[in-house]
Amino acid sequence: MVGGGPHGLLHALALARAHIDVTLLDVRRPTPTATPRAMTFHWSMMKGLDELGILDDALARGLVHRIWSLNVLDGGERMFFDLDVLADDVEYPFTLHLPQESLSEIVVGRLQEMSNVHLAWDTRLTGLDQDDRGVTVRAASPDGDQVFRGGWVVGADGPKSAVRRAVGLGLPGITWPERFVAANVRYDFAALGYEVSAIQLDQRDGALVAQIDATGLWRYTYAENVTLPEETVGERMREVFGRVLPTGDEPEVQAWAAHRMHQRVADTFRVGRVLLLGDAAHVTNPTSGYGLAGGFFDSVSLVEALSAVVHDGASDEIVDRYSVVRRRVFTEITSPVSSDSKQLLWNSDGPGRLEAELERLRRATSTRDRQRQYLIVGCGLESPSLRSPSVTPQ
């Protein structure tokens, strides 16, 4: 497989635990970085992380949260979602904040202990050919050109996927007219009434606010017009904090990163023996937290499909089923929910739009039953077993 980000590493671990030999190629090796990257692991993923045998290690390094606050910047109104309302529905009703590189370190450590895993770092895919029996992958590495042969190739190599391009697939969809800016800052947002995970609601200054660790490091994510020069983000960031924080407060900005926001999905996640998952197959804006979780459940379904083919002699029709079912989850759940969340946070300046959304959220948070109804949508990120007769391609 190709891609050593969170989705690729977790998929490699799941395949290896399913007694499938894995060779993982990535253009670099996982290393610590100060650049803000993925850090929120949705509550729906906790059971799966436990089944992979890494939840305890992740909990030891990460920060658990059960309360999610919505903070209205103008006036100080606060609303809350309590994940404990899901206690009868899921085994682990909490979300985990853990820097991506910390998860990678945990997973790589496990992979290095497994005899059926080969890790090929600093190795770039240059081409592939497939036939009825498997796929031949050509790659460039510090040791020169290499050739790998496998029964299947899984592309988990992100939005610019070399695997996807090698089989002639695009990633159609839209790009939003804003960029999001994620800043790691030292500032006591808790003193302002923000929970470990919070949404800041405002017509101009909507933001995602999340505590990264117990040392007082927080992530503040906001949006700005993409036509503004990226090289001066830091200057405008000071203006942003000047508007939203108490007069005179200046957070210590440790690092920041700016990215475009997309809603895009490949037409299919399978071309012959080449398969896609995660951001190689679909990308969404970051506001819902569904992007990382959706890719994780791609992996869960794909491991089931490949295990059925490799170990049980199942027809590869089950792999077609994977493609159809997981694409449907993205188009019917992940993308619509994420788009609504993005427009609430970063497009709510239309006449009356924010107040209408606030009224909807007041109602959603008013009782435990309504909180549950609002949150339970996240269970839909996990699709039913592909072996189920009720799961049929359409």
Protein backbone atom coordinates (compact mmCIF):
# COMPACT_ATOMS: atom_id res chain seq x y z
CA MET A 1 0.00 0.00 0.00
CA VAL A 2 1.02 3.63 -0.52
CA GLY A 3 0.73 6.38 2.09
CA GLY A 4 2.10 6.66 5.63
CA GLY A 5 -0.30 9.19 7.13
CA PRO A 6 -2.85 8.26 9.83
CA HIS A 7 -5.16 6.43 7.42
CA GLY A 8 -2.35 4.49 5.75
CA LEU A 9 -0.66 3.47 8.99
CA LEU A 10 -3.90 2.38 10.64
CA HIS A 11 -4.89 0.44 7.53
CA ALA A 12 -1.53 -1.30 7.40
CA LEU A 13 -1.91 -2.29 11.04
CA ALA A 14 -5.44 -3.59 10.47
CA LEU A 15 -4.36 -5.64 7.45
CA ALA A 16 -1.40 -7.10 9.28
CA ARG A 17 -3.57 -8.06 12.25
CA ALA A 18 -5.90 -9.76 9.74
CA HIS A 19 -2.90 -11.93 8.67
CA ILE A 20 -2.43 -10.19 5.33
CA ASP A 21 1.13 -9.37 4.24
CA VAL A 22 1.70 -5.64 3.87
CA THR A 23 4.35 -3.51 2.18
CA LEU A 24 3.88 0.19 2.93
CA LEU A 25 5.54 2.87 0.80
CA ASP A 26 5.76 6.53 1.74
CA VAL A 27 7.75 9.43 0.37
CA ARG A 28 8.94 10.30 3.89
CA ARG A 29 9.08 8.73 7.30
CA PRO A 30 6.89 9.84 10.23
CA THR A 31 8.79 12.46 12.23
CA PRO A 32 7.87 14.91 14.99
CA THR A 33 6.73 18.26 13.64
CA ALA A 34 5.56 21.55 15.09
CA THR A 35 3.28 22.17 12.11
CA PRO A 36 -0.41 21.88 13.08
CA ARG A 37 -1.81 18.66 11.67
CA ALA A 38 -4.73 16.33 12.40
CA MET A 39 -5.41 15.91 16.12
CA THR A 40 -9.10 15.08 16.70
CA PHE A 41 -10.13 11.44 16.78
CA HIS A 42 -13.91 11.26 16.71
CA TRP A 43 -15.80 9.26 19.36
CA SER A 44 -17.01 6.83 16.69
CA MET A 45 -13.41 5.65 16.19
CA MET A 46 -12.64 4.65 19.78
CA LYS A 47 -13.95 1.09 19.57
CA GLY A 48 -11.97 0.52 16.37
CA LEU A 49 -8.77 1.85 17.93
CA ASP A 50 -9.34 -0.52 20.84
CA GLU A 51 -9.81 -3.45 18.47
CA LEU A 52 -6.49 -2.54 16.84
CA GLY A 53 -4.87 -2.74 20.28
CA ILE A 54 -3.70 0.88 20.43
CA LEU A 55 -6.42 2.72 22.36
CA ASP A 56 -4.72 2.45 25.75
CA ASP A 57 -1.46 3.86 24.36
CA ALA A 58 -3.36 6.64 22.61
CA LEU A 59 -5.27 7.54 25.78
CA ALA A 60 -2.01 7.65 27.75
CA ARG A 61 -0.67 10.29 25.38
CA GLY A 62 -3.81 12.18 24.45
CA LEU A 63 -6.49 14.30 26.02
CA VAL A 64 -10.02 12.94 26.44
CA HIS A 65 -13.05 15.15 26.23
CA ARG A 66 -16.73 14.42 26.80
CA ILE A 67 -18.18 17.95 26.78
CA TRP A 68 -18.33 20.04 23.63
CA SER A 69 -19.21 23.71 24.04
CA LEU A 70 -20.64 26.23 21.62
CA ASN A 71 -19.51 29.71 22.60
CA VAL A 72 -21.23 32.76 21.11
CA LEU A 73 -18.59 35.45 20.90
CA ASP A 74 -21.01 38.38 21.04
CA GLY A 75 -22.71 38.26 24.44
CA GLY A 76 -21.01 35.18 25.90
CA GLU A 77 -23.86 32.68 25.49
CA ARG A 78 -22.77 29.06 25.93
CA MET A 79 -24.42 25.80 24.92
CA PHE A 80 -23.19 22.27 25.52
CA PHE A 81 -23.26 18.79 24.03
CA ASP A 82 -22.43 16.02 26.49
CA LEU A 83 -21.13 12.88 24.77
CA ASP A 84 -22.32 10.82 27.73
CA VAL A 85 -25.78 10.94 26.13
CA LEU A 86 -24.37 8.29 23.77
CA ALA A 87 -23.47 5.90 26.60
CA ASP A 88 -26.22 3.44 25.63
CA ASP A 89 -25.20 3.56 21.97
CA VAL A 90 -21.41 3.35 21.97
CA GLU A 91 -18.84 1.75 24.24
CA TYR A 92 -16.56 4.78 24.40
CA PRO A 93 -18.56 8.05 24.44
CA PHE A 94 -15.63 10.43 24.24
CA THR A 95 -13.38 12.06 21.68
CA LEU A 96 -9.59 12.01 21.84
CA HIS A 97 -7.24 14.90 21.10
CA LEU A 98 -3.89 13.50 20.04
CA PRO A 99 -1.35 15.06 17.66
CA GLN A 100 -1.07 13.08 14.44
CA GLU A 101 2.62 12.44 14.94
CA SER A 102 1.95 10.86 18.35
CA LEU A 103 -0.52 8.40 16.84
CA SER A 104 1.95 7.68 14.04
CA GLU A 105 4.68 6.89 16.54
CA ILE A 106 2.40 4.42 18.34
CA VAL A 107 1.33 2.66 15.14
CA VAL A 108 4.79 2.55 13.56
CA GLY A 109 6.10 0.96 16.75
CA ARG A 110 3.52 -1.82 16.40
CA LEU A 111 4.19 -2.31 12.69
CA GLN A 112 7.91 -2.66 13.27
CA GLU A 113 7.20 -5.61 15.57
CA MET A 114 5.15 -7.51 12.95
CA SER A 115 6.84 -10.05 10.72
CA ASN A 116 4.29 -9.64 7.90
CA VAL A 117 4.93 -5.90 7.47
CA HIS A 118 7.63 -4.23 5.38
CA LEU A 119 8.03 -0.46 5.74
CA ALA A 120 9.64 1.32 2.79
CA TRP A 121 10.27 4.93 3.82
CA ASP A 122 11.61 7.65 1.51
CA THR A 123 10.11 5.72 -1.38
CA ARG A 124 8.06 7.43 -4.09
CA LEU A 125 5.67 5.63 -6.42
CA THR A 126 6.56 6.31 -10.04
CA GLY A 127 4.11 4.00 -11.81
CA LEU A 128 2.10 0.82 -11.65
CA ASP A 129 0.77 -1.90 -13.93
CA GLN A 130 -1.87 -4.47 -13.09
CA ASP A 131 -3.14 -7.74 -14.46
CA ASP A 132 -5.63 -10.38 -13.36
CA ARG A 133 -3.33 -11.70 -10.65
CA GLY A 134 -1.93 -8.56 -9.07
CA VAL A 135 -0.17 -5.21 -9.37
CA THR A 136 3.43 -4.32 -10.14
CA VAL A 137 4.53 -1.06 -8.51
CA ARG A 138 7.55 0.92 -9.64
CA ALA A 139 9.15 3.25 -7.12
CA ALA A 140 12.18 5.45 -6.55
CA SER A 141 14.13 5.31 -3.28
CA PRO A 142 17.52 6.44 -1.94
CA ASP A 143 18.79 2.99 -2.95
CA GLY A 144 17.65 3.45 -6.52
CA ASP A 145 14.66 2.25 -8.52
CA GLN A 146 12.64 -0.56 -6.97
CA VAL A 147 9.87 -2.89 -8.08
CA PHE A 148 7.22 -4.32 -5.77
CA ARG A 149 4.60 -6.93 -6.54
CA GLY A 150 1.35 -7.48 -4.65
CA GLY A 151 -2.12 -8.87 -5.07
CA TRP A 152 -3.70 -5.46 -4.43
CA VAL A 153 -2.56 -1.86 -4.07
CA VAL A 154 -4.27 0.49 -1.64
CA GLY A 155 -3.79 4.22 -2.13
CA ALA A 156 -3.93 6.11 1.16
CA ASP A 157 -1.63 8.84 -0.05
CA GLY A 158 -3.79 11.92 0.39
CA PRO A 159 -5.61 14.41 -1.84
CA LYS A 160 -2.77 14.54 -4.37
CA SER A 161 -2.65 10.73 -4.49
CA ALA A 162 -0.10 9.34 -6.92
CA VAL A 163 -2.01 6.04 -6.84
CA ARG A 164 -5.27 7.68 -7.88
CA ARG A 165 -3.56 9.56 -10.69
CA ALA A 166 -1.78 6.42 -11.87
CA VAL A 167 -5.14 4.79 -12.63
CA GLY A 168 -6.52 7.91 -14.32
CA LEU A 169 -8.97 9.04 -11.64
CA GLY A 170 -9.63 12.65 -10.77
CA LEU A 171 -11.11 14.13 -7.61
CA PRO A 172 -14.10 16.17 -8.80
CA GLY A 173 -15.98 18.54 -6.54
CA ILE A 174 -15.62 22.08 -5.23
CA THR A 175 -13.01 24.20 -3.51
CA TRP A 176 -14.35 26.71 -1.01
CA PRO A 177 -13.43 30.39 -1.44
CA GLU A 178 -11.78 30.48 1.99
CA ARG A 179 -8.61 28.99 3.40
CA PHE A 180 -8.53 27.71 6.94
CA VAL A 181 -5.70 28.69 9.26
CA ALA A 182 -4.79 26.37 12.13
CA ALA A 183 -2.63 27.91 14.86
CA ASN A 184 -1.07 26.19 17.86
CA VAL A 185 -1.08 28.75 20.66
CA ARG A 186 -0.40 28.99 24.35
CA TYR A 187 -3.38 30.72 25.88
CA ASP A 188 -5.90 29.83 28.62
CA PHE A 189 -9.11 29.52 26.59
CA ALA A 190 -10.63 27.57 29.48
CA ALA A 191 -10.62 30.80 31.51
CA LEU A 192 -12.93 32.26 28.86
CA GLY A 193 -15.42 29.41 29.30
CA TYR A 194 -14.26 27.17 26.47
CA GLU A 195 -14.40 23.42 26.99
CA VAL A 196 -11.56 21.17 25.82
CA SER A 197 -13.39 21.11 22.48
CA ALA A 198 -15.37 24.19 21.46
CA ILE A 199 -16.94 26.01 18.57
CA GLN A 200 -16.81 29.79 18.61
CA LEU A 201 -19.82 31.26 16.83
CA ASP A 202 -19.72 34.73 15.34
CA GLN A 203 -20.68 36.36 12.06
CA ARG A 204 -17.08 37.38 11.42
CA ASP A 205 -14.89 35.35 13.74
CA GLY A 206 -16.20 31.80 13.86
CA ALA A 207 -13.53 29.34 14.96
CA LEU A 208 -12.76 25.83 16.15
CA VAL A 209 -10.99 25.88 19.53
CA ALA A 210 -9.47 22.72 21.01
CA GLN A 211 -7.00 21.95 23.76
CA ILE A 212 -4.11 19.88 22.41
CA ASP A 213 -2.49 18.64 25.62
CA ALA A 214 -2.21 19.18 29.36
CA THR A 215 0.61 21.74 29.02
CA GLY A 216 -1.72 24.57 27.99
CA LEU A 217 -1.26 24.25 24.24
CA TRP A 218 -4.44 24.91 22.22
CA ARG A 219 -5.41 24.79 18.55
CA TYR A 220 -7.31 27.82 17.18
CA THR A 221 -8.66 27.32 13.64
CA TYR A 222 -10.33 30.11 11.69
CA ALA A 223 -10.93 31.04 8.05
CA GLU A 224 -10.04 33.91 5.79
CA ASN A 225 -10.57 34.84 2.17
CA VAL A 226 -8.27 32.81 -0.03
CA THR A 227 -7.37 35.84 -2.14
CA LEU A 228 -5.44 37.34 0.78
CA PRO A 229 -1.68 36.70 0.51
CA GLU A 230 -0.66 33.62 2.46
CA GLU A 231 2.73 35.08 3.33
CA THR A 232 1.06 37.69 5.56
CA VAL A 233 -1.22 35.32 7.49
CA GLY A 234 0.83 35.91 10.63
CA GLU A 235 0.19 39.65 10.52
CA ARG A 236 -3.55 39.20 10.10
CA MET A 237 -3.58 36.56 12.85
CA ARG A 238 -2.63 39.21 15.38
CA GLU A 239 -5.62 41.24 14.21
CA VAL A 240 -7.89 38.20 14.63
CA PHE A 241 -6.76 37.59 18.22
CA GLY A 242 -7.04 41.30 18.90
CA ARG A 243 -10.74 41.14 18.01
CA VAL A 244 -11.70 37.93 19.83
CA LEU A 245 -9.63 37.99 23.04
CA PRO A 246 -9.90 40.36 26.01
CA THR A 247 -8.10 43.65 25.52
CA GLY A 248 -4.37 43.30 26.01
CA ASP A 249 -4.26 39.49 25.81
CA GLU A 250 -1.64 38.20 23.38
CA PRO A 251 -1.39 34.44 22.90
CA GLU A 252 1.97 32.87 22.16
CA VAL A 253 1.69 31.49 18.64
CA GLN A 254 3.97 28.47 18.38
CA ALA A 255 3.15 27.38 14.84
CA TRP A 256 0.50 27.76 12.17
CA ALA A 257 -0.49 26.23 8.86
CA ALA A 258 -2.89 27.38 6.15
CA HIS A 259 -4.80 25.08 3.80
CA ARG A 260 -7.48 25.18 1.13
CA MET A 261 -10.84 23.61 1.90
CA HIS A 262 -12.50 21.15 -0.46
CA GLN A 263 -15.53 18.92 -0.91
CA ARG A 264 -14.34 16.35 -3.45
CA VAL A 265 -14.80 12.64 -4.13
CA ALA A 266 -13.47 10.20 -6.72
CA ASP A 267 -16.00 8.59 -9.07
CA THR A 268 -14.99 5.16 -7.80
CA PHE A 269 -12.71 3.81 -5.08
CA ARG A 270 -11.72 0.79 -7.16
CA VAL A 271 -9.99 0.39 -10.50
CA GLY A 272 -9.20 -3.29 -10.98
CA ARG A 273 -6.84 -4.30 -8.18
CA VAL A 274 -6.13 -0.70 -7.15
CA LEU A 275 -8.18 0.65 -4.24
CA LEU A 276 -8.49 4.05 -2.59
CA LEU A 277 -9.33 5.11 0.95
CA GLY A 278 -9.31 8.25 3.08
CA ASP A 279 -8.17 11.52 1.53
CA ALA A 280 -6.99 9.74 -1.61
CA ALA A 281 -10.66 8.93 -2.26
CA HIS A 282 -12.46 11.93 -0.78
CA VAL A 283 -11.67 15.22 0.97
CA THR A 284 -13.82 17.45 3.14
CA ASN A 285 -13.42 20.65 5.11
CA PRO A 286 -12.29 20.13 8.74
CA THR A 287 -15.21 21.55 10.69
CA SER A 288 -17.13 18.36 11.50
CA GLY A 289 -14.23 16.06 12.35
CA TYR A 290 -15.78 13.55 9.95
CA GLY A 291 -12.89 13.47 7.48
CA LEU A 292 -10.47 11.47 9.64
CA ALA A 293 -13.24 9.25 10.99
CA GLY A 294 -14.68 8.59 7.52
CA GLY A 295 -11.32 7.43 6.23
CA PHE A 296 -10.89 5.20 9.26
CA PHE A 297 -14.15 3.44 8.50
CA ASP A 298 -13.12 3.12 4.85
CA SER A 299 -10.26 1.05 6.22
CA VAL A 300 -12.52 -1.06 8.43
CA SER A 301 -14.71 -1.97 5.45
CA LEU A 302 -11.78 -2.54 3.11
CA VAL A 303 -10.03 -4.87 5.54
CA GLU A 304 -13.22 -6.90 5.74
CA ALA A 305 -13.46 -7.06 1.94
CA LEU A 306 -9.83 -8.02 1.35
CA SER A 307 -9.90 -10.60 4.15
CA ALA A 308 -12.93 -12.20 2.53
CA VAL A 309 -11.11 -12.40 -0.81
CA VAL A 310 -7.68 -13.43 0.48
CA HIS A 311 -8.67 -15.87 3.22
CA ASP A 312 -12.17 -17.05 2.33
CA GLY A 313 -12.01 -17.18 -1.46
CA ALA A 314 -14.85 -14.67 -1.79
CA SER A 315 -15.59 -13.10 -5.14
CA ASP A 316 -14.01 -9.71 -5.59
CA GLU A 317 -17.54 -8.38 -6.01
CA ILE A 318 -17.26 -7.61 -2.30
CA VAL A 319 -14.54 -5.09 -3.18
CA ASP A 320 -16.94 -3.39 -5.60
CA ARG A 321 -19.37 -3.29 -2.70
CA TYR A 322 -16.72 -1.52 -0.61
CA SER A 323 -16.35 1.19 -3.25
CA VAL A 324 -20.07 1.83 -3.62
CA VAL A 325 -20.94 1.72 0.08
CA ARG A 326 -18.09 3.90 1.29
CA ARG A 327 -18.58 6.46 -1.46
CA ARG A 328 -22.24 6.67 -0.45
CA VAL A 329 -21.27 7.37 3.18
CA PHE A 330 -19.18 10.30 2.02
CA THR A 331 -21.78 11.79 -0.33
CA GLU A 332 -24.77 11.25 1.98
CA ILE A 333 -23.28 11.90 5.43
CA THR A 334 -19.71 13.19 5.59
CA SER A 335 -19.89 15.86 2.92
CA PRO A 336 -23.37 17.28 3.73
CA VAL A 337 -22.71 17.45 7.48
CA SER A 338 -19.27 18.99 6.95
CA SER A 339 -20.63 21.53 4.47
CA ASP A 340 -23.36 22.59 6.91
CA SER A 341 -20.80 22.91 9.70
CA LYS A 342 -18.48 24.97 7.52
CA GLN A 343 -21.23 27.37 6.49
CA LEU A 344 -22.33 27.81 10.10
CA LEU A 345 -18.80 28.66 11.19
CA TRP A 346 -17.43 30.54 8.22
CA ASN A 347 -20.32 31.67 6.07
CA SER A 348 -22.91 32.86 8.57
CA ASP A 349 -22.91 36.54 7.64
CA GLY A 350 -26.14 36.43 5.63
CA PRO A 351 -29.14 38.34 7.01
CA GLY A 352 -30.49 36.44 10.01
CA ARG A 353 -28.49 33.30 9.22
CA LEU A 354 -26.48 33.11 12.45
CA GLU A 355 -29.46 33.81 14.71
CA ALA A 356 -31.50 31.13 12.94
CA GLU A 357 -28.67 28.63 13.43
CA LEU A 358 -28.29 29.60 17.08
CA GLU A 359 -31.97 28.94 17.67
CA ARG A 360 -31.60 25.51 16.09
CA LEU A 361 -28.60 24.75 18.32
CA ARG A 362 -30.39 26.00 21.44
CA ARG A 363 -33.12 23.51 20.71
CA ALA A 364 -30.64 20.71 19.94
CA THR A 365 -28.83 21.20 23.26
CA SER A 366 -31.95 21.78 25.39
CA THR A 367 -32.45 18.15 26.50
CA ARG A 368 -30.32 15.02 26.66
CA ASP A 369 -32.59 13.27 24.18
CA ARG A 370 -32.19 16.09 21.64
CA GLN A 371 -28.43 16.08 22.15
CA ARG A 372 -28.40 12.37 21.43
CA GLN A 373 -30.48 12.83 18.27
CA TYR A 374 -28.04 15.49 17.05
CA LEU A 375 -24.90 13.48 17.82
CA ILE A 376 -26.02 10.00 16.80
CA VAL A 377 -25.63 10.92 13.12
CA GLY A 378 -21.93 10.20 13.64
CA CYS A 379 -22.70 6.48 13.95
CA GLY A 380 -23.55 6.55 10.24
CA LEU A 381 -19.86 6.98 9.40
CA GLU A 382 -19.46 3.26 10.01
CA SER A 383 -21.20 1.24 7.31
CA PRO A 384 -22.72 -2.22 7.94
CA SER A 385 -20.76 -5.37 7.27
CA LEU A 386 -20.16 -5.85 3.55
CA ARG A 387 -21.08 -9.50 4.03
CA SER A 388 -24.62 -8.51 5.02
CA PRO A 389 -27.23 -9.39 2.36
CA SER A 390 -28.81 -5.98 2.92
CA VAL A 391 -25.65 -4.18 1.78
CA THR A 392 -25.93 -4.10 -1.99
CA PRO A 393 -24.35 -1.76 -4.54
CA GLN A 394 -26.64 0.74 -6.25
